[in-house]
C-alpha atoms as a PDB file:
ATOM      1  CA  GLN A   1       6.207  -2.561  -6.121  1.00  0.00           C
ATOM      2  CA  VAL A   2       4.262  -5.761  -5.609  1.00  0.00           C
ATOM      3  CA  GLN A   3       2.359  -7.760  -8.331  1.00  0.00           C
ATOM      4  CA  LEU A   4      -0.459 -10.026  -6.952  1.00  0.00           C
ATOM      5  CA  VAL A   5      -1.985 -12.914  -8.848  1.00  0.00           C
ATOM      6  CA  GLU A   6      -5.060 -14.433  -7.519  1.00  0.00           C
ATOM      7  CA  SER A   7      -6.618 -17.900  -8.353  1.00  0.00           C
ATOM      8  CA  GLY A   8      -8.969 -20.391  -7.096  1.00  0.00           C
ATOM      9  CA  GLY A   9     -12.510 -18.764  -7.280  1.00  0.00           C
ATOM     10  CA  GLY A  10     -15.509 -20.461  -8.778  1.00  0.00           C
ATOM     11  CA  LEU A  11     -19.037 -21.611  -8.292  1.00  0.00           C
ATOM     12  CA  VAL A  12     -19.755 -23.754  -5.256  1.00  0.00           C
ATOM     13  CA  GLN A  13     -22.995 -24.964  -3.594  1.00  0.00           C
ATOM     14  CA  PRO A  14     -23.879 -23.643  -0.198  1.00  0.00           C
ATOM     15  CA  GLY A  15     -21.893 -25.549   2.450  1.00  0.00           C
ATOM     16  CA  GLY A  16     -19.101 -26.181   0.124  1.00  0.00           C
ATOM     17  CA  SER A  17     -15.347 -24.999   0.309  1.00  0.00           C
ATOM     18  CA  LEU A  18     -12.977 -23.279  -1.868  1.00  0.00           C
ATOM     19  CA  ARG A  19      -9.404 -22.176  -1.402  1.00  0.00           C
ATOM     20  CA  LEU A  20      -8.113 -18.875  -2.964  1.00  0.00           C
ATOM     21  CA  SER A  21      -4.457 -18.224  -3.597  1.00  0.00           C
ATOM     22  CA  CYS A  22      -2.611 -15.067  -3.855  1.00  0.00           C
ATOM     23  CA  ALA A  23       0.971 -15.189  -5.259  1.00  0.00           C
ATOM     24  CA  ALA A  24       3.158 -12.239  -4.556  1.00  0.00           C
ATOM     25  CA  SER A  25       6.098 -11.066  -6.828  1.00  0.00           C
ATOM     26  CA  ARG A  26       8.388 -10.619  -3.777  1.00  0.00           C
ATOM     27  CA  SER A  27       8.981 -12.145  -0.430  1.00  0.00           C
ATOM     28  CA  ILE A  28       5.911 -11.874   1.692  1.00  0.00           C
ATOM     29  CA  PHE A  29       7.968 -11.243   4.737  1.00  0.00           C
ATOM     30  CA  SER A  30       8.950  -7.900   3.007  1.00  0.00           C
ATOM     31  CA  ILE A  31       5.246  -7.008   2.969  1.00  0.00           C
ATOM     32  CA  LEU A  32       3.826  -5.459   6.147  1.00  0.00           C
ATOM     33  CA  LEU A  33       0.290  -6.718   5.623  1.00  0.00           C
ATOM     34  CA  MET A  34      -1.436  -9.110   3.256  1.00  0.00           C
ATOM     35  CA  GLY A  35      -5.029  -9.673   3.142  1.00  0.00           C
ATOM     36  CA  TRP A  36      -8.325 -10.733   1.411  1.00  0.00           C
ATOM     37  CA  TYR A  37     -11.180  -8.262   0.748  1.00  0.00           C
ATOM     38  CA  ARG A  38     -14.388  -8.770  -1.171  1.00  0.00           C
ATOM     39  CA  GLN A  39     -16.926  -6.547  -2.916  1.00  0.00           C
ATOM     40  CA  VAL A  40     -20.494  -7.047  -4.282  1.00  0.00           C
ATOM     41  CA  PRO A  41     -21.506  -4.622  -7.073  1.00  0.00           C
ATOM     42  CA  GLY A  42     -23.022  -1.526  -5.422  1.00  0.00           C
ATOM     43  CA  ASN A  43     -21.166  -2.013  -2.133  1.00  0.00           C
ATOM     44  CA  GLU A  44     -17.948  -0.945  -0.581  1.00  0.00           C
ATOM     45  CA  ARG A  45     -15.139  -3.376  -0.544  1.00  0.00           C
ATOM     46  CA  GLU A  46     -14.968  -5.129   2.814  1.00  0.00           C
ATOM     47  CA  LEU A  47     -12.242  -6.792   4.774  1.00  0.00           C
ATOM     48  CA  VAL A  48     -12.293 -10.478   4.984  1.00  0.00           C
ATOM     49  CA  ALA A  49      -8.991 -11.438   6.563  1.00  0.00           C
ATOM     50  CA  THR A  50      -5.571 -10.162   6.968  1.00  0.00           C
ATOM     51  CA  ILE A  51      -2.160 -11.495   8.078  1.00  0.00           C
ATOM     52  CA  THR A  52       0.879  -9.478   9.119  1.00  0.00           C
ATOM     53  CA  SER A  53       4.538 -10.073   8.317  1.00  0.00           C
ATOM     54  CA  GLY A  54       4.873 -11.250  11.979  1.00  0.00           C
ATOM     55  CA  GLY A  55       1.924 -13.606  11.618  1.00  0.00           C
ATOM     56  CA  THR A  56      -0.907 -11.736  13.391  1.00  0.00           C
ATOM     57  CA  ILE A  57      -4.295 -12.676  11.899  1.00  0.00           C
ATOM     58  CA  ASN A  58      -7.489 -10.713  11.957  1.00  0.00           C
ATOM     59  CA  TYR A  59     -10.834 -11.858  10.462  1.00  0.00           C
ATOM     60  CA  ALA A  60     -14.244 -10.204   9.698  1.00  0.00           C
ATOM     61  CA  GLU A  61     -16.815 -11.233  12.225  1.00  0.00           C
ATOM     62  CA  SER A  62     -18.920 -12.706   9.416  1.00  0.00           C
ATOM     63  CA  VAL A  63     -16.319 -15.208   8.429  1.00  0.00           C
ATOM     64  CA  LYS A  64     -14.739 -16.247  11.898  1.00  0.00           C
ATOM     65  CA  GLY A  65     -14.805 -20.009  12.227  1.00  0.00           C
ATOM     66  CA  ARG A  66     -15.463 -20.557   8.491  1.00  0.00           C
ATOM     67  CA  PHE A  67     -12.478 -19.102   6.752  1.00  0.00           C
ATOM     68  CA  THR A  68      -8.693 -19.543   7.467  1.00  0.00           C
ATOM     69  CA  ILE A  69      -5.948 -17.235   6.103  1.00  0.00           C
ATOM     70  CA  SER A  70      -2.449 -18.891   5.970  1.00  0.00           C
ATOM     71  CA  ARG A  71       0.831 -18.343   4.012  1.00  0.00           C
ATOM     72  CA  ASP A  72       3.488 -20.291   2.386  1.00  0.00           C
ATOM     73  CA  SER A  73       6.739 -18.163   2.561  1.00  0.00           C
ATOM     74  CA  ALA A  74       8.568 -20.437   0.121  1.00  0.00           C
ATOM     75  CA  LYS A  75       6.084 -19.789  -2.395  1.00  0.00           C
ATOM     76  CA  ASN A  76       5.364 -16.161  -1.530  1.00  0.00           C
ATOM     77  CA  THR A  77       1.697 -17.091  -1.453  1.00  0.00           C
ATOM     78  CA  VAL A  78      -1.085 -16.432   0.803  1.00  0.00           C
ATOM     79  CA  TYR A  79      -4.160 -18.494   0.952  1.00  0.00           C
ATOM     80  CA  LEU A  80      -7.798 -18.194   2.058  1.00  0.00           C
ATOM     81  CA  GLN A  81      -9.548 -21.456   2.870  1.00  0.00           C
ATOM     82  CA  MET A  82     -13.192 -20.948   2.831  1.00  0.00           C
ATOM     83  CA  ASN A  83     -15.500 -23.593   4.406  1.00  0.00           C
ATOM     84  CA  SER A  84     -19.129 -23.728   5.103  1.00  0.00           C
ATOM     85  CA  LEU A  85     -19.851 -21.127   2.387  1.00  0.00           C
ATOM     86  CA  LYS A  86     -22.949 -19.203   2.313  1.00  0.00           C
ATOM     87  CA  PRO A  87     -24.720 -17.422  -0.533  1.00  0.00           C
ATOM     88  CA  GLU A  88     -23.853 -14.168   1.138  1.00  0.00           C
ATOM     89  CA  ASP A  89     -20.184 -14.912   0.673  1.00  0.00           C
ATOM     90  CA  THR A  90     -20.738 -14.456  -3.124  1.00  0.00           C
ATOM     91  CA  ALA A  91     -18.465 -11.548  -4.160  1.00  0.00           C
ATOM     92  CA  ALA A  92     -15.429 -10.675  -6.161  1.00  0.00           C
ATOM     93  CA  TYR A  93     -12.382 -11.538  -3.741  1.00  0.00           C
ATOM     94  CA  TYR A  94      -9.378  -9.315  -3.889  1.00  0.00           C
ATOM     95  CA  CYS A  95      -5.812  -9.881  -2.467  1.00  0.00           C
ATOM     96  CA  ASN A  96      -4.229  -6.882  -0.814  1.00  0.00           C
ATOM     97  CA  ALA A  97      -0.525  -6.091   0.004  1.00  0.00           C
ATOM     98  CA  VAL A  98       0.526  -3.184   2.164  1.00  0.00           C
ATOM     99  CA  VAL A  99       4.118  -1.874   1.946  1.00  0.00           C
ATOM    100  CA  VAL A 100       5.380   0.946   3.978  1.00  0.00           C
ATOM    101  CA  SER A 101       8.685   2.860   3.356  1.00  0.00           C
ATOM    102  CA  THR A 102       8.335   6.657   3.308  1.00  0.00           C
ATOM    103  CA  LYS A 103       4.635   6.242   3.111  1.00  0.00           C
ATOM    104  CA  ARG A 104       1.986   3.417   2.745  1.00  0.00           C
ATOM    105  CA  TYR A 105       1.423   1.752  -0.537  1.00  0.00           C
ATOM    106  CA  ASP A 106      -1.546  -0.513  -1.337  1.00  0.00           C
ATOM    107  CA  TYR A 107      -1.429  -3.106  -4.052  1.00  0.00           C
ATOM    108  CA  TRP A 108      -4.298  -5.093  -5.333  1.00  0.00           C
ATOM    109  CA  GLY A 109      -4.736  -8.269  -7.376  1.00  0.00           C
ATOM    110  CA  GLN A 110      -7.190  -8.359 -10.195  1.00  0.00           C
ATOM    111  CA  GLY A 111      -9.860 -10.216  -8.246  1.00  0.00           C
ATOM    112  CA  THR A 112     -11.453 -13.604  -8.526  1.00  0.00           C
ATOM    113  CA  GLN A 113     -15.082 -14.238  -8.384  1.00  0.00           C
ATOM    114  CA  VAL A 114     -16.692 -16.549  -5.892  1.00  0.00           C
ATOM    115  CA  THR A 115     -20.277 -17.607  -6.280  1.00  0.00           C
ATOM    116  CA  VAL A 116     -22.179 -19.607  -3.795  1.00  0.00           C
ATOM    117  CA  SER A 117     -25.311 -20.941  -5.238  1.00  0.00           C
ATOM    118  CA  SER A 118     -27.405 -24.156  -5.486  1.00  0.00           C
END
């Protein structure tokens, strides 16, 4: 099992930056895939960025060039650096961890709100 604790959300003006953190309860190298998703009320949860245990990174087209996913294995933490934020980035952001043993298990954090507004 994996517990995920997110932090770093808040209110920021358009063009500003925020960094989200996701602390995992076990070594992130034992987790196949970690990532960030976001959700606006009434919409489906959408992928923002993912990183595999081997370091392969994937971004949604809408955030490429603005967001950066990274990790600190010593802290079992994954980060999402968000720059040049736009009002349409406003959403609840969720950390996700995928573990595969006999089957796939998905774990989610509690979510952190990001609001981009002037």
